[in-house]
Amino acid sequence: VNLQKCDNCNSSFKWSKIFKSFWWTSYKQLKCDNCGTNHKITSFSRSTVAAMSILPIWIFGYILSPSDNIFTSAGIGLLMGVIGFLLTPYVVRYKEVL
């Protein structure tokens, strides 16, 4: 899986730039460092960010929990959610702002 590329010049965005664009900033636009083209996150990708952060916690915590200890289950579920959130820059897609 590759990171998103600029629609205009085909240069790749950095993982950190994509991650920061939806972390604490309400999905701000990405600006290509090479050509200056602005890109905005698609609606589907916004849902993907939420799903990859929340669903692993929910699925593991309520369905696949291997332990009767709620703290162990919650901790592993939270870890899976964090891992999912860290992987989101590889699956979110941006489109050029016209």
C-alpha atoms as a PDB file:
ATOM      1  CA  VAL A   1       0.000   0.000   0.000  1.00  0.00           C
ATOM      2  CA  ASN A   2       1.402   3.355  -1.034  1.00  0.00           C
ATOM      3  CA  LEU A   3       0.819   6.802   0.342  1.00  0.00           C
ATOM      4  CA  GLN A   4      -1.368   9.258  -1.538  1.00  0.00           C
ATOM      5  CA  LYS A   5       0.282  11.149  -4.388  1.00  0.00           C
ATOM      6  CA  CYS A   6      -0.414  14.639  -5.668  1.00  0.00           C
ATOM      7  CA  ASP A   7      -3.062  14.631  -8.405  1.00  0.00           C
ATOM      8  CA  ASN A   8      -1.162  17.327 -10.277  1.00  0.00           C
ATOM      9  CA  CYS A   9       2.556  16.387 -10.184  1.00  0.00           C
ATOM     10  CA  ASN A  10       2.409  12.794  -8.870  1.00  0.00           C
ATOM     11  CA  SER A  11       4.820  13.376  -5.968  1.00  0.00           C
ATOM     12  CA  SER A  12       4.091  11.405  -2.785  1.00  0.00           C
ATOM     13  CA  PHE A  13       2.886  13.058   0.394  1.00  0.00           C
ATOM     14  CA  LYS A  14       4.795  12.237   3.574  1.00  0.00           C
ATOM     15  CA  TRP A  15       3.159  10.004   6.191  1.00  0.00           C
ATOM     16  CA  SER A  16       3.550  12.697   8.852  1.00  0.00           C
ATOM     17  CA  LYS A  17       1.937  15.355   6.667  1.00  0.00           C
ATOM     18  CA  ILE A  18      -1.091  13.159   5.966  1.00  0.00           C
ATOM     19  CA  PHE A  19      -1.389  12.134   9.614  1.00  0.00           C
ATOM     20  CA  LYS A  20      -1.178  15.731  10.845  1.00  0.00           C
ATOM     21  CA  SER A  21      -3.845  16.811   8.353  1.00  0.00           C
ATOM     22  CA  PHE A  22      -6.549  14.909  10.232  1.00  0.00           C
ATOM     23  CA  TRP A  23      -5.074  14.984  13.737  1.00  0.00           C
ATOM     24  CA  TRP A  24      -6.453  17.877  15.807  1.00  0.00           C
ATOM     25  CA  THR A  25      -7.154  19.973  12.735  1.00  0.00           C
ATOM     26  CA  SER A  26     -10.550  18.875  11.469  1.00  0.00           C
ATOM     27  CA  TYR A  27      -9.241  17.413   8.255  1.00  0.00           C
ATOM     28  CA  LYS A  28      -7.337  20.399   6.929  1.00  0.00           C
ATOM     29  CA  GLN A  29      -6.264  20.502   3.314  1.00  0.00           C
ATOM     30  CA  LEU A  30      -2.921  19.098   2.184  1.00  0.00           C
ATOM     31  CA  LYS A  31      -0.680  21.292   0.094  1.00  0.00           C
ATOM     32  CA  CYS A  32       1.800  19.594  -2.211  1.00  0.00           C
ATOM     33  CA  ASP A  33       5.364  20.568  -1.327  1.00  0.00           C
ATOM     34  CA  ASN A  34       6.411  20.178  -4.956  1.00  0.00           C
ATOM     35  CA  CYS A  35       3.764  22.105  -6.940  1.00  0.00           C
ATOM     36  CA  GLY A  36       1.583  23.800  -4.292  1.00  0.00           C
ATOM     37  CA  THR A  37      -1.683  22.096  -5.304  1.00  0.00           C
ATOM     38  CA  ASN A  38      -4.249  21.854  -2.483  1.00  0.00           C
ATOM     39  CA  HIS A  39      -6.005  18.558  -1.785  1.00  0.00           C
ATOM     40  CA  LYS A  40      -8.920  17.823   0.551  1.00  0.00           C
ATOM     41  CA  ILE A  41      -9.850  14.542   2.176  1.00  0.00           C
ATOM     42  CA  THR A  42     -12.775  12.660   0.658  1.00  0.00           C
ATOM     43  CA  SER A  43     -15.931  12.000   2.669  1.00  0.00           C
ATOM     44  CA  PHE A  44     -15.336   8.265   2.478  1.00  0.00           C
ATOM     45  CA  SER A  45     -11.829   8.715   3.890  1.00  0.00           C
ATOM     46  CA  ARG A  46     -13.212  10.665   6.861  1.00  0.00           C
ATOM     47  CA  SER A  47     -15.362   7.654   7.654  1.00  0.00           C
ATOM     48  CA  THR A  48     -12.334   5.398   7.169  1.00  0.00           C
ATOM     49  CA  VAL A  49     -10.348   7.321   9.790  1.00  0.00           C
ATOM     50  CA  ALA A  50     -13.168   6.905  12.303  1.00  0.00           C
ATOM     51  CA  ALA A  51     -13.691   3.236  11.463  1.00  0.00           C
ATOM     52  CA  MET A  52     -10.015   2.321  11.701  1.00  0.00           C
ATOM     53  CA  SER A  53      -9.805   4.025  15.094  1.00  0.00           C
ATOM     54  CA  ILE A  54     -13.037   2.869  16.729  1.00  0.00           C
ATOM     55  CA  LEU A  55     -13.943  -0.495  15.179  1.00  0.00           C
ATOM     56  CA  PRO A  56     -10.857  -2.422  16.358  1.00  0.00           C
ATOM     57  CA  ILE A  57     -11.562  -1.347  19.943  1.00  0.00           C
ATOM     58  CA  TRP A  58     -15.221  -2.302  19.695  1.00  0.00           C
ATOM     59  CA  ILE A  59     -14.686  -5.594  17.874  1.00  0.00           C
ATOM     60  CA  PHE A  60     -11.958  -6.771  20.205  1.00  0.00           C
ATOM     61  CA  GLY A  61     -13.534  -5.443  23.391  1.00  0.00           C
ATOM     62  CA  TYR A  62     -17.013  -6.833  22.849  1.00  0.00           C
ATOM     63  CA  ILE A  63     -16.634  -9.780  20.513  1.00  0.00           C
ATOM     64  CA  LEU A  64     -13.124 -11.266  20.493  1.00  0.00           C
ATOM     65  CA  SER A  65     -12.096 -10.640  24.085  1.00  0.00           C
ATOM     66  CA  PRO A  66      -9.875 -13.541  25.199  1.00  0.00           C
ATOM     67  CA  SER A  67      -9.857 -12.512  28.821  1.00  0.00           C
ATOM     68  CA  ASP A  68     -12.432 -12.111  31.549  1.00  0.00           C
ATOM     69  CA  ASN A  69     -10.385  -9.194  32.875  1.00  0.00           C
ATOM     70  CA  ILE A  70     -11.956  -6.003  31.537  1.00  0.00           C
ATOM     71  CA  PHE A  71      -8.730  -4.004  31.921  1.00  0.00           C
ATOM     72  CA  THR A  72      -6.756  -6.479  29.813  1.00  0.00           C
ATOM     73  CA  SER A  73      -9.432  -6.529  27.132  1.00  0.00           C
ATOM     74  CA  ALA A  74      -9.741  -2.737  27.117  1.00  0.00           C
ATOM     75  CA  GLY A  75      -5.971  -2.305  26.951  1.00  0.00           C
ATOM     76  CA  ILE A  76      -5.543  -4.665  24.014  1.00  0.00           C
ATOM     77  CA  GLY A  77      -8.562  -3.116  22.259  1.00  0.00           C
ATOM     78  CA  LEU A  78      -7.116   0.356  22.775  1.00  0.00           C
ATOM     79  CA  LEU A  79      -3.740  -0.768  21.436  1.00  0.00           C
ATOM     80  CA  MET A  80      -5.433  -2.157  18.322  1.00  0.00           C
ATOM     81  CA  GLY A  81      -7.289   1.135  17.864  1.00  0.00           C
ATOM     82  CA  VAL A  82      -4.058   3.116  18.082  1.00  0.00           C
ATOM     83  CA  ILE A  83      -2.386   0.821  15.551  1.00  0.00           C
ATOM     84  CA  GLY A  84      -5.369   1.227  13.212  1.00  0.00           C
ATOM     85  CA  PHE A  85      -5.212   5.003  13.606  1.00  0.00           C
ATOM     86  CA  LEU A  86      -1.478   5.020  12.809  1.00  0.00           C
ATOM     87  CA  LEU A  87      -2.137   3.059   9.613  1.00  0.00           C
ATOM     88  CA  THR A  88      -4.815   5.440   8.300  1.00  0.00           C
ATOM     89  CA  PRO A  89      -2.412   7.605   6.228  1.00  0.00           C
ATOM     90  CA  TYR A  90      -1.936   4.578   3.987  1.00  0.00           C
ATOM     91  CA  VAL A  91      -5.640   4.213   3.183  1.00  0.00           C
ATOM     92  CA  VAL A  92      -7.133   7.721   3.228  1.00  0.00           C
ATOM     93  CA  ARG A  93      -7.517   9.471  -0.100  1.00  0.00           C
ATOM     94  CA  TYR A  94      -7.442  13.133  -0.987  1.00  0.00           C
ATOM     95  CA  LYS A  95      -8.696  14.869  -4.097  1.00  0.00           C
ATOM     96  CA  GLU A  96      -7.475  18.051  -5.715  1.00  0.00           C
ATOM     97  CA  VAL A  97      -9.355  21.205  -4.733  1.00  0.00           C
ATOM     98  CA  LEU A  98     -10.675  22.823  -7.875  1.00  0.00           C
END
